[in-house]
C-alpha atoms as a PDB file:
ATOM      1  CA  UNK A   1     -14.825 137.340-121.540  1.00  0.00           C
ATOM      2  CA  UNK A   2     -16.666 134.188-122.562  1.00  0.00           C
ATOM      3  CA  UNK A   3     -17.229 132.407-125.843  1.00  0.00           C
ATOM      4  CA  UNK A   4     -16.047 129.518-127.958  1.00  0.00           C
ATOM      5  CA  UNK A   5     -12.673 129.372-129.597  1.00  0.00           C
ATOM      6  CA  UNK A   6     -12.258 126.443-131.983  1.00  0.00           C
ATOM      7  CA  UNK A   7      -9.166 125.842-134.128  1.00  0.00           C
ATOM      8  CA  UNK A   8      -6.803 123.199-135.381  1.00  0.00           C
ATOM      9  CA  UNK A   9      -3.519 122.518-133.594  1.00  0.00           C
ATOM     10  CA  UNK A  10      -0.353 121.629-135.481  1.00  0.00           C
ATOM     11  CA  UNK A  11      -0.621 117.995-134.450  1.00  0.00           C
ATOM     12  CA  UNK A  12      -3.924 117.730-136.312  1.00  0.00           C
ATOM     13  CA  UNK A  13      -6.177 117.921-133.280  1.00  0.00           C
ATOM     14  CA  UNK A  14      -9.017 120.254-132.385  1.00  0.00           C
ATOM     15  CA  UNK A  15      -8.569 123.041-129.882  1.00  0.00           C
ATOM     16  CA  UNK A  16     -11.656 124.271-128.020  1.00  0.00           C
ATOM     17  CA  UNK A  17     -11.482 126.979-125.357  1.00  0.00           C
ATOM     18  CA  UNK A  18     -14.091 129.141-123.637  1.00  0.00           C
ATOM     19  CA  UNK A  19     -12.710 132.475-124.774  1.00  0.00           C
ATOM     20  CA  UNK A  20     -13.255 134.424-127.997  1.00  0.00           C
ATOM     21  CA  UNK A  21     -10.475 134.869-130.530  1.00  0.00           C
ATOM     22  CA  UNK A  22      -8.553 138.061-129.696  1.00  0.00           C
ATOM     23  CA  UNK A  23      -7.125 139.528-132.897  1.00  0.00           C
ATOM     24  CA  UNK A  24      -5.706 142.741-131.414  1.00  0.00           C
ATOM     25  CA  UNK A  25      -6.060 145.528-128.872  1.00  0.00           C
ATOM     26  CA  UNK A  26      -7.259 149.117-129.079  1.00  0.00           C
ATOM     27  CA  UNK A  27      -5.980 151.234-126.174  1.00  0.00           C
ATOM     28  CA  UNK A  28      -5.999 148.166-123.965  1.00  0.00           C
ATOM     29  CA  UNK A  29      -9.466 147.006-125.097  1.00  0.00           C
ATOM     30  CA  UNK A  30      -9.321 143.542-126.725  1.00  0.00           C
ATOM     31  CA  UNK A  31     -10.720 143.333-130.241  1.00  0.00           C
ATOM     32  CA  UNK A  32     -12.189 139.886-130.908  1.00  0.00           C
ATOM     33  CA  UNK A  33     -13.108 138.066-134.105  1.00  0.00           C
ATOM     34  CA  UNK A  34     -16.754 137.982-133.020  1.00  0.00           C
ATOM     35  CA  UNK A  35     -16.684 141.738-132.483  1.00  0.00           C
ATOM     36  CA  UNK A  36     -15.257 142.327-135.964  1.00  0.00           C
ATOM     37  CA  UNK A  37     -17.942 140.076-137.450  1.00  0.00           C
ATOM     38  CA  UNK A  38     -20.625 142.057-135.615  1.00  0.00           C
ATOM     39  CA  UNK A  39     -19.251 145.345-136.958  1.00  0.00           C
ATOM     40  CA  UNK A  40     -19.029 143.910-140.483  1.00  0.00           C
ATOM     41  CA  UNK A  41     -22.637 142.700-140.251  1.00  0.00           C
ATOM     42  CA  UNK A  42     -23.759 146.145-139.083  1.00  0.00           C
ATOM     43  CA  UNK A  43     -21.924 147.754-141.997  1.00  0.00           C
ATOM     44  CA  UNK A  44     -23.488 145.358-144.520  1.00  0.00           C
ATOM     45  CA  UNK A  45     -26.983 145.857-143.096  1.00  0.00           C
ATOM     46  CA  UNK A  46     -26.696 149.653-143.042  1.00  0.00           C
ATOM     47  CA  UNK A  47     -25.346 149.659-146.612  1.00  0.00           C
ATOM     48  CA  UNK A  48     -28.109 147.309-147.739  1.00  0.00           C
ATOM     49  CA  UNK A  49     -30.810 149.420-146.091  1.00  0.00           C
ATOM     50  CA  UNK A  50     -29.500 152.620-147.697  1.00  0.00           C
ATOM     51  CA  UNK A  51     -29.444 150.908-151.092  1.00  0.00           C
ATOM     52  CA  UNK A  52     -32.954 149.460-150.713  1.00  0.00           C
ATOM     53  CA  UNK A  53     -34.265 152.825-149.535  1.00  0.00           C
ATOM     54  CA  UNK A  54     -32.850 154.503-152.633  1.00  0.00           C
ATOM     55  CA  UNK A  55     -34.642 151.951-154.816  1.00  0.00           C
ATOM     56  CA  UNK A  56     -38.122 152.457-153.329  1.00  0.00           C
ATOM     57  CA  UNK A  57     -40.805 153.372-155.867  1.00  0.00           C
ATOM     58  CA  UNK A  58     -44.436 154.413-155.643  1.00  0.00           C
ATOM     59  CA  UNK A  59     -45.289 151.528-157.967  1.00  0.00           C
ATOM     60  CA  UNK A  60     -43.374 148.639-156.371  1.00  0.00           C
ATOM     61  CA  UNK A  61     -41.485 146.094-158.391  1.00  0.00           C
ATOM     62  CA  UNK A  62     -41.425 142.391-157.571  1.00  0.00           C
ATOM     63  CA  UNK A  63     -38.607 142.587-155.001  1.00  0.00           C
ATOM     64  CA  UNK A  64     -40.079 145.647-153.270  1.00  0.00           C
ATOM     65  CA  UNK A  65     -43.498 143.980-153.264  1.00  0.00           C
ATOM     66  CA  UNK A  66     -42.094 140.887-151.543  1.00  0.00           C
ATOM     67  CA  UNK A  67     -40.449 143.021-148.858  1.00  0.00           C
ATOM     68  CA  UNK A  68     -43.636 145.046-148.345  1.00  0.00           C
ATOM     69  CA  UNK A  69     -45.696 141.875-147.964  1.00  0.00           C
ATOM     70  CA  UNK A  70     -43.216 140.461-145.441  1.00  0.00           C
ATOM     71  CA  UNK A  71     -43.024 143.668-143.401  1.00  0.00           C
ATOM     72  CA  UNK A  72     -46.790 144.169-143.559  1.00  0.00           C
ATOM     73  CA  UNK A  73     -47.421 140.568-142.526  1.00  0.00           C
ATOM     74  CA  UNK A  74     -45.103 140.837-139.526  1.00  0.00           C
ATOM     75  CA  UNK A  75     -46.685 144.130-138.484  1.00  0.00           C
ATOM     76  CA  UNK A  76     -50.198 142.663-138.668  1.00  0.00           C
ATOM     77  CA  UNK A  77     -49.052 139.665-136.632  1.00  0.00           C
ATOM     78  CA  UNK A  78     -47.599 141.950-133.951  1.00  0.00           C
ATOM     79  CA  UNK A  79     -50.818 143.986-133.945  1.00  0.00           C
ATOM     80  CA  UNK A  80     -52.805 140.818-133.289  1.00  0.00           C
ATOM     81  CA  UNK A  81     -50.481 139.718-130.480  1.00  0.00           C
ATOM     82  CA  UNK A  82     -50.345 143.111-128.753  1.00  0.00           C
ATOM     83  CA  UNK A  83     -54.014 143.826-129.546  1.00  0.00           C
ATOM     84  CA  UNK A  84     -53.032 147.407-130.215  1.00  0.00           C
ATOM     85  CA  UNK A  85     -51.772 148.870-133.501  1.00  0.00           C
ATOM     86  CA  UNK A  86     -50.172 151.820-131.713  1.00  0.00           C
ATOM     87  CA  UNK A  87     -48.098 149.469-129.555  1.00  0.00           C
ATOM     88  CA  UNK A  88     -47.236 147.455-132.656  1.00  0.00           C
ATOM     89  CA  UNK A  89     -45.925 150.598-134.387  1.00  0.00           C
ATOM     90  CA  UNK A  90     -43.881 151.411-131.273  1.00  0.00           C
ATOM     91  CA  UNK A  91     -42.202 148.029-130.843  1.00  0.00           C
ATOM     92  CA  UNK A  92     -42.130 146.753-134.421  1.00  0.00           C
ATOM     93  CA  UNK A  93     -38.758 148.425-135.212  1.00  0.00           C
ATOM     94  CA  UNK A  94     -36.859 146.905-132.270  1.00  0.00           C
ATOM     95  CA  UNK A  95     -38.401 143.418-132.553  1.00  0.00           C
ATOM     96  CA  UNK A  96     -37.762 143.320-136.302  1.00  0.00           C
ATOM     97  CA  UNK A  97     -34.241 144.700-135.833  1.00  0.00           C
ATOM     98  CA  UNK A  98     -33.442 142.003-133.271  1.00  0.00           C
ATOM     99  CA  UNK A  99     -34.621 139.305-135.689  1.00  0.00           C
ATOM    100  CA  UNK A 100     -32.803 140.644-138.762  1.00  0.00           C
ATOM    101  CA  UNK A 101     -29.588 141.423-136.865  1.00  0.00           C
ATOM    102  CA  UNK A 102     -29.327 138.027-135.129  1.00  0.00           C
ATOM    103  CA  UNK A 103     -30.266 136.209-138.350  1.00  0.00           C
ATOM    104  CA  UNK A 104     -27.593 138.109-140.276  1.00  0.00           C
ATOM    105  CA  UNK A 105     -24.982 137.400-137.602  1.00  0.00           C
ATOM    106  CA  UNK A 106     -25.813 133.688-137.615  1.00  0.00           C
ATOM    107  CA  UNK A 107     -25.819 133.318-141.388  1.00  0.00           C
ATOM    108  CA  UNK A 108     -22.738 135.448-142.035  1.00  0.00           C
ATOM    109  CA  UNK A 109     -20.738 133.213-139.702  1.00  0.00           C
ATOM    110  CA  UNK A 110     -21.736 130.167-141.771  1.00  0.00           C
ATOM    111  CA  UNK A 111     -20.607 131.514-145.142  1.00  0.00           C
ATOM    112  CA  UNK A 112     -17.829 129.350-146.646  1.00  0.00           C
ATOM    113  CA  UNK A 113     -14.415 130.904-146.209  1.00  0.00           C
ATOM    114  CA  UNK A 114     -15.460 133.471-143.592  1.00  0.00           C
ATOM    115  CA  UNK A 115     -13.562 131.779-140.770  1.00  0.00           C
ATOM    116  CA  UNK A 116     -10.638 130.950-143.099  1.00  0.00           C
ATOM    117  CA  UNK A 117      -9.381 134.558-143.156  1.00  0.00           C
ATOM    118  CA  UNK A 118      -6.864 135.116-140.374  1.00  0.00           C
ATOM    119  CA  UNK A 119      -3.332 134.505-139.163  1.00  0.00           C
ATOM    120  CA  UNK A 120      -1.285 131.915-137.249  1.00  0.00           C
ATOM    121  CA  UNK A 121      -0.177 132.433-133.676  1.00  0.00           C
ATOM    122  CA  UNK A 122       2.072 130.380-131.415  1.00  0.00           C
ATOM    123  CA  UNK A 123       0.519 129.515-128.044  1.00  0.00           C
ATOM    124  CA  UNK A 124       2.211 127.229-125.506  1.00  0.00           C
ATOM    125  CA  UNK A 125       4.405 125.687-128.184  1.00  0.00           C
ATOM    126  CA  UNK A 126       1.506 125.016-130.558  1.00  0.00           C
ATOM    127  CA  UNK A 127       0.610 127.007-133.655  1.00  0.00           C
ATOM    128  CA  UNK A 128      -3.083 127.931-133.772  1.00  0.00           C
ATOM    129  CA  UNK A 129      -4.994 129.582-136.562  1.00  0.00           C
ATOM    130  CA  UNK A 130      -6.698 132.806-135.382  1.00  0.00           C
ATOM    131  CA  UNK A 131      -9.570 133.846-137.677  1.00  0.00           C
ATOM    132  CA  UNK A 132     -10.417 137.498-138.119  1.00  0.00           C
ATOM    133  CA  UNK A 133     -14.120 136.681-138.418  1.00  0.00           C
ATOM    134  CA  UNK A 134     -16.145 134.203-136.351  1.00  0.00           C
ATOM    135  CA  UNK A 135     -19.871 133.617-135.613  1.00  0.00           C
ATOM    136  CA  UNK A 136     -20.769 136.295-133.022  1.00  0.00           C
ATOM    137  CA  UNK A 137     -23.317 134.163-131.140  1.00  0.00           C
ATOM    138  CA  UNK A 138     -20.508 131.828-130.085  1.00  0.00           C
ATOM    139  CA  UNK A 139     -19.343 134.683-127.853  1.00  0.00           C
ATOM    140  CA  UNK A 140     -21.396 134.826-124.645  1.00  0.00           C
ATOM    141  CA  UNK A 141     -20.598 138.538-124.285  1.00  0.00           C
ATOM    142  CA  UNK A 142     -22.600 139.291-127.429  1.00  0.00           C
ATOM    143  CA  UNK A 143     -25.577 137.089-126.549  1.00  0.00           C
ATOM    144  CA  UNK A 144     -25.706 138.701-123.088  1.00  0.00           C
ATOM    145  CA  UNK A 145     -25.732 142.116-124.780  1.00  0.00           C
ATOM    146  CA  UNK A 146     -28.744 141.049-126.853  1.00  0.00           C
ATOM    147  CA  UNK A 147     -30.403 139.677-123.713  1.00  0.00           C
ATOM    148  CA  UNK A 148     -29.881 142.992-121.891  1.00  0.00           C
ATOM    149  CA  UNK A 149     -31.392 144.933-124.805  1.00  0.00           C
ATOM    150  CA  UNK A 150     -34.444 142.654-124.845  1.00  0.00           C
ATOM    151  CA  UNK A 151     -34.726 142.712-121.032  1.00  0.00           C
ATOM    152  CA  UNK A 152     -34.687 146.504-120.697  1.00  0.00           C
ATOM    153  CA  UNK A 153     -37.037 146.876-123.669  1.00  0.00           C
ATOM    154  CA  UNK A 154     -39.537 144.590-121.936  1.00  0.00           C
ATOM    155  CA  UNK A 155     -39.273 146.296-118.542  1.00  0.00           C
ATOM    156  CA  UNK A 156     -39.406 149.844-119.930  1.00  0.00           C
ATOM    157  CA  UNK A 157     -42.398 148.958-122.107  1.00  0.00           C
ATOM    158  CA  UNK A 158     -44.268 147.778-119.007  1.00  0.00           C
ATOM    159  CA  UNK A 159     -43.440 150.923-117.052  1.00  0.00           C
ATOM    160  CA  UNK A 160     -44.484 153.195-119.942  1.00  0.00           C
ATOM    161  CA  UNK A 161     -47.723 151.304-120.596  1.00  0.00           C
ATOM    162  CA  UNK A 162     -49.154 150.988-117.068  1.00  0.00           C
ATOM    163  CA  UNK A 163     -46.959 153.219-114.903  1.00  0.00           C
ATOM    164  CA  UNK A 164     -44.065 152.559-112.554  1.00  0.00           C
ATOM    165  CA  UNK A 165     -46.032 151.810-109.360  1.00  0.00           C
ATOM    166  CA  UNK A 166     -48.598 149.575-111.032  1.00  0.00           C
ATOM    167  CA  UNK A 167     -45.859 147.682-112.897  1.00  0.00           C
ATOM    168  CA  UNK A 168     -43.733 147.106-109.789  1.00  0.00           C
ATOM    169  CA  UNK A 169     -46.858 145.859-107.987  1.00  0.00           C
ATOM    170  CA  UNK A 170     -46.559 142.758-110.180  1.00  0.00           C
ATOM    171  CA  UNK A 171     -43.430 141.852-108.229  1.00  0.00           C
ATOM    172  CA  UNK A 172     -43.806 143.588-104.846  1.00  0.00           C
ATOM    173  CA  UNK A 173     -47.274 143.084-103.431  1.00  0.00           C
ATOM    174  CA  UNK A 174     -48.123 143.167 -99.714  1.00  0.00           C
ATOM    175  CA  UNK A 175     -51.880 142.594-100.021  1.00  0.00           C
ATOM    176  CA  UNK A 176     -51.508 139.045 -98.702  1.00  0.00           C
ATOM    177  CA  UNK A 177     -48.766 136.474 -98.016  1.00  0.00           C
ATOM    178  CA  UNK A 178     -49.786 134.577-101.142  1.00  0.00           C
ATOM    179  CA  UNK A 179     -49.662 137.718-103.297  1.00  0.00           C
ATOM    180  CA  UNK A 180     -46.218 138.544-101.893  1.00  0.00           C
ATOM    181  CA  UNK A 181     -44.938 135.019-102.654  1.00  0.00           C
ATOM    182  CA  UNK A 182     -46.315 135.093-106.195  1.00  0.00           C
ATOM    183  CA  UNK A 183     -44.705 138.493-106.736  1.00  0.00           C
ATOM    184  CA  UNK A 184     -41.293 137.205-105.631  1.00  0.00           C
ATOM    185  CA  UNK A 185     -41.630 134.220-107.973  1.00  0.00           C
ATOM    186  CA  UNK A 186     -42.543 136.591-110.809  1.00  0.00           C
ATOM    187  CA  UNK A 187     -39.520 138.755-109.996  1.00  0.00           C
ATOM    188  CA  UNK A 188     -37.117 135.800-110.145  1.00  0.00           C
ATOM    189  CA  UNK A 189     -38.692 134.554-113.384  1.00  0.00           C
ATOM    190  CA  UNK A 190     -38.273 138.048-114.838  1.00  0.00           C
ATOM    191  CA  UNK A 191     -34.567 138.124-113.954  1.00  0.00           C
ATOM    192  CA  UNK A 192     -34.123 134.563-115.223  1.00  0.00           C
ATOM    193  CA  UNK A 193     -34.932 135.807-118.715  1.00  0.00           C
ATOM    194  CA  UNK A 194     -31.430 137.281-118.908  1.00  0.00           C
ATOM    195  CA  UNK A 195     -30.001 133.786-118.530  1.00  0.00           C
ATOM    196  CA  UNK A 196     -32.517 132.040-120.772  1.00  0.00           C
ATOM    197  CA  UNK A 197     -32.215 134.631-123.562  1.00  0.00           C
ATOM    198  CA  UNK A 198     -28.418 134.656-123.635  1.00  0.00           C
ATOM    199  CA  UNK A 199     -27.670 130.970-123.015  1.00  0.00           C
ATOM    200  CA  UNK A 200     -30.323 129.668-125.444  1.00  0.00           C
ATOM    201  CA  UNK A 201     -28.806 131.588-128.336  1.00  0.00           C
ATOM    202  CA  UNK A 202     -25.223 130.956-127.237  1.00  0.00           C
ATOM    203  CA  UNK A 203     -25.751 127.240-126.576  1.00  0.00           C
ATOM    204  CA  UNK A 204     -27.379 126.436-129.913  1.00  0.00           C
ATOM    205  CA  UNK A 205     -24.882 128.333-132.058  1.00  0.00           C
ATOM    206  CA  UNK A 206     -21.988 127.098-129.890  1.00  0.00           C
ATOM    207  CA  UNK A 207     -23.060 123.462-130.333  1.00  0.00           C
ATOM    208  CA  UNK A 208     -23.688 123.825-134.050  1.00  0.00           C
ATOM    209  CA  UNK A 209     -20.337 125.448-134.805  1.00  0.00           C
ATOM    210  CA  UNK A 210     -18.459 122.882-132.716  1.00  0.00           C
ATOM    211  CA  UNK A 211     -20.296 120.041-134.466  1.00  0.00           C
ATOM    212  CA  UNK A 212     -19.380 121.471-137.857  1.00  0.00           C
ATOM    213  CA  UNK A 213     -15.708 121.763-136.888  1.00  0.00           C
ATOM    214  CA  UNK A 214     -15.615 118.186-135.593  1.00  0.00           C
ATOM    215  CA  UNK A 215     -17.424 116.877-138.701  1.00  0.00           C
ATOM    216  CA  UNK A 216     -15.054 118.724-141.067  1.00  0.00           C
ATOM    217  CA  UNK A 217     -12.078 117.360-139.159  1.00  0.00           C
ATOM    218  CA  UNK A 218     -13.096 113.697-139.322  1.00  0.00           C
ATOM    219  CA  UNK A 219     -15.248 113.495-142.485  1.00  0.00           C
ATOM    220  CA  UNK A 220     -14.453 116.662-144.459  1.00  0.00           C
ATOM    221  CA  UNK A 221     -16.310 115.949-147.726  1.00  0.00           C
ATOM    222  CA  UNK A 222     -19.587 114.221-146.816  1.00  0.00           C
ATOM    223  CA  UNK A 223     -21.103 115.107-143.440  1.00  0.00           C
ATOM    224  CA  UNK A 224     -20.506 118.925-143.292  1.00  0.00           C
ATOM    225  CA  UNK A 225     -22.878 119.727-146.210  1.00  0.00           C
ATOM    226  CA  UNK A 226     -26.159 118.531-144.605  1.00  0.00           C
ATOM    227  CA  UNK A 227     -24.950 119.807-141.222  1.00  0.00           C
ATOM    228  CA  UNK A 228     -24.306 123.231-142.737  1.00  0.00           C
ATOM    229  CA  UNK A 229     -27.823 123.274-144.209  1.00  0.00           C
ATOM    230  CA  UNK A 230     -29.202 122.326-140.809  1.00  0.00           C
ATOM    231  CA  UNK A 231     -27.232 125.129-139.136  1.00  0.00           C
ATOM    232  CA  UNK A 232     -28.704 127.623-141.609  1.00  0.00           C
ATOM    233  CA  UNK A 233     -32.131 126.498-140.390  1.00  0.00           C
ATOM    234  CA  UNK A 234     -31.012 126.654-136.736  1.00  0.00           C
ATOM    235  CA  UNK A 235     -29.682 130.186-137.274  1.00  0.00           C
ATOM    236  CA  UNK A 236     -33.106 131.255-138.557  1.00  0.00           C
ATOM    237  CA  UNK A 237     -34.991 129.511-135.738  1.00  0.00           C
ATOM    238  CA  UNK A 238     -32.812 131.051-133.026  1.00  0.00           C
ATOM    239  CA  UNK A 239     -33.300 134.557-134.432  1.00  0.00           C
ATOM    240  CA  UNK A 240     -37.049 133.940-134.699  1.00  0.00           C
ATOM    241  CA  UNK A 241     -37.330 132.535-131.158  1.00  0.00           C
ATOM    242  CA  UNK A 242     -35.358 135.450-129.671  1.00  0.00           C
ATOM    243  CA  UNK A 243     -37.537 138.021-131.435  1.00  0.00           C
ATOM    244  CA  UNK A 244     -40.866 136.281-130.779  1.00  0.00           C
ATOM    245  CA  UNK A 245     -40.096 135.794-127.079  1.00  0.00           C
ATOM    246  CA  UNK A 246     -39.252 139.488-126.835  1.00  0.00           C
ATOM    247  CA  UNK A 247     -42.642 140.257-128.389  1.00  0.00           C
ATOM    248  CA  UNK A 248     -44.559 137.918-126.071  1.00  0.00           C
ATOM    249  CA  UNK A 249     -42.804 139.245-122.970  1.00  0.00           C
ATOM    250  CA  UNK A 250     -43.626 142.811-124.060  1.00  0.00           C
ATOM    251  CA  UNK A 251     -47.244 141.698-124.300  1.00  0.00           C
ATOM    252  CA  UNK A 252     -47.104 140.368-120.728  1.00  0.00           C
ATOM    253  CA  UNK A 253     -45.344 143.510-119.491  1.00  0.00           C
ATOM    254  CA  UNK A 254     -47.993 145.917-120.824  1.00  0.00           C
ATOM    255  CA  UNK A 255     -50.882 143.937-119.322  1.00  0.00           C
ATOM    256  CA  UNK A 256     -52.566 145.261-116.176  1.00  0.00           C
ATOM    257  CA  UNK A 257     -51.594 143.316-113.009  1.00  0.00           C
ATOM    258  CA  UNK A 258     -54.282 140.985-111.696  1.00  0.00           C
END
């Protein structure tokens, strides 16, 4: 498993390792802090959605009106990009879910005190603090999972829209040597999205969290505040970029090959 594991050692130093915090095991399956944070975020989102749904009214109040304007604006934007309202209705739920879920994961991990809940564990003669909750995007396993969801959504959307044989002709084309070469390049660029999707999200959140830890260690009362505000912005941008790239790649997938 991959990820970032940042903590303080007893000597006052900073410990960074490329493995997520393991807080326990369930029938031999490791349970990590990033996994617990993901489950908690899912629980909060589901609870919030159920509550908001119960508060819906035919004559919307101010809060409901704001949400309706936001959702309607995003839907209209997707309709313009896909040039098809039916396609927008089909893919709006997953694109919006990706954005809201990643944004919630990023912001929940930045809440003060979230990573302070945990226990101490002795490793190689040093006592390390193991948090029960940690920003999920610092775990490469989770960002790869998001990348796989986006990747298969894009590929399946292309197959459904234009058919299996016509879609695969974008990548395997024997009409001419040049067409074959272009198809192979397209195939590799398609597969490269798995890497770009996962490592872009992982790298930005990884770097931000590490920077915050280092700043809090050396200058605990001054530097972390503006850095934390910046990371809130970065968390939003990364969720937006992931969702918007998924949308644009769906647009490319449903286009006829030429």
